[in-house]
């Protein structure tokens, strides 16, 4: 299973490290990553592989939400199959 992870917030040192550390600790592999700065705002989207993850999807989502609150950014995670069904013509 794959998922998209999006991160938005005011730019600051360590955002990528903090988010990817949560993924790494839970055996989530980053397949693709794109990040940019728009003025003082940081935006990142990752495609991740969840197939070797040892916890439930909802638990990963909770961990990322907790990290988002800790570092004052917005983190959203959505399974690829749900994303595809939402945007399928």
Protein backbone atom coordinates (compact mmCIF):
# COMPACT_ATOMS: atom_id res chain seq x y z
CA UNK A 1 0.00 0.00 0.00
CA UNK A 2 1.14 3.54 -0.79
CA UNK A 3 0.11 6.90 0.61
CA UNK A 4 0.62 10.61 0.07
CA UNK A 5 1.95 12.72 2.92
CA UNK A 6 1.65 16.51 2.64
CA UNK A 7 3.28 19.02 4.95
CA UNK A 8 2.54 22.77 5.04
CA UNK A 9 3.68 25.48 7.40
CA UNK A 10 5.93 28.42 8.12
CA UNK A 11 9.46 27.54 7.09
CA UNK A 12 11.91 26.64 9.86
CA UNK A 13 14.93 24.43 10.36
CA UNK A 14 14.23 20.72 10.79
CA UNK A 15 10.79 20.16 9.27
CA UNK A 16 11.97 17.50 6.83
CA UNK A 17 14.03 15.79 9.53
CA UNK A 18 11.15 15.70 12.02
CA UNK A 19 8.61 14.30 9.55
CA UNK A 20 10.91 11.77 7.90
CA UNK A 21 12.07 10.56 11.33
CA UNK A 22 8.49 9.54 12.16
CA UNK A 23 8.29 7.67 8.86
CA UNK A 24 11.67 5.98 9.29
CA UNK A 25 10.95 4.85 12.86
CA UNK A 26 7.80 3.15 11.58
CA UNK A 27 9.46 1.44 8.59
CA UNK A 28 7.76 3.67 6.00
CA UNK A 29 9.84 4.10 2.85
CA UNK A 30 9.82 7.39 0.92
CA UNK A 31 9.41 6.67 -2.79
CA UNK A 32 9.28 10.25 -4.04
CA UNK A 33 9.52 13.66 -2.42
CA UNK A 34 8.91 17.18 -3.65
CA UNK A 35 9.34 20.28 -1.54
CA UNK A 36 9.36 24.00 -2.15
CA UNK A 37 9.31 27.36 -0.41
CA UNK A 38 6.67 29.95 -1.25
CA UNK A 39 7.70 33.18 0.46
CA UNK A 40 8.16 32.04 4.08
CA UNK A 41 5.98 28.94 3.70
CA UNK A 42 7.25 25.38 3.37
CA UNK A 43 5.31 22.86 1.28
CA UNK A 44 6.22 19.19 0.82
CA UNK A 45 4.49 16.19 -0.73
CA UNK A 46 5.81 12.64 -0.41
CA UNK A 47 4.71 9.36 -1.94
CA UNK A 48 5.46 6.65 0.62
CA UNK A 49 5.38 2.86 0.72
CA UNK A 50 3.51 1.47 3.73
CA UNK A 51 3.94 -2.23 2.92
CA UNK A 52 6.56 -2.87 5.63
CA UNK A 53 4.95 -0.68 8.27
CA UNK A 54 4.41 -2.50 11.58
CA UNK A 55 1.44 -0.44 12.84
CA UNK A 56 -2.06 0.37 11.66
CA UNK A 57 -2.58 3.23 9.21
CA UNK A 58 -4.67 5.17 11.76
CA UNK A 59 -1.80 4.92 14.26
CA UNK A 60 0.69 6.34 11.76
CA UNK A 61 -1.78 9.12 11.04
CA UNK A 62 -2.01 9.90 14.76
CA UNK A 63 1.80 9.94 15.12
CA UNK A 64 2.09 12.37 12.21
CA UNK A 65 -0.69 14.57 13.62
CA UNK A 66 1.11 14.66 16.98
CA UNK A 67 4.37 15.61 15.26
CA UNK A 68 2.53 18.33 13.31
CA UNK A 69 1.28 19.86 16.56
CA UNK A 70 4.76 19.62 18.08
CA UNK A 71 6.49 21.45 15.21
CA UNK A 72 3.54 23.74 14.33
CA UNK A 73 2.84 22.58 10.77
CA UNK A 74 -0.03 20.79 9.04
CA UNK A 75 0.58 17.15 8.08
CA UNK A 76 -2.01 15.16 6.13
CA UNK A 77 -1.69 11.53 5.07
CA UNK A 78 -3.98 9.83 2.56
CA UNK A 79 -3.84 6.32 1.16
CA UNK A 80 -3.14 6.21 -2.57
CA UNK A 81 -6.22 4.13 -3.36
CA UNK A 82 -8.50 6.69 -1.66
CA UNK A 83 -6.73 9.55 -3.43
CA UNK A 84 -7.13 7.84 -6.81
CA UNK A 85 -10.82 7.09 -6.28
CA UNK A 86 -11.50 10.70 -5.28
CA UNK A 87 -9.88 12.13 -8.42
CA UNK A 88 -10.87 9.47 -10.96
CA UNK A 89 -12.99 10.74 -13.82
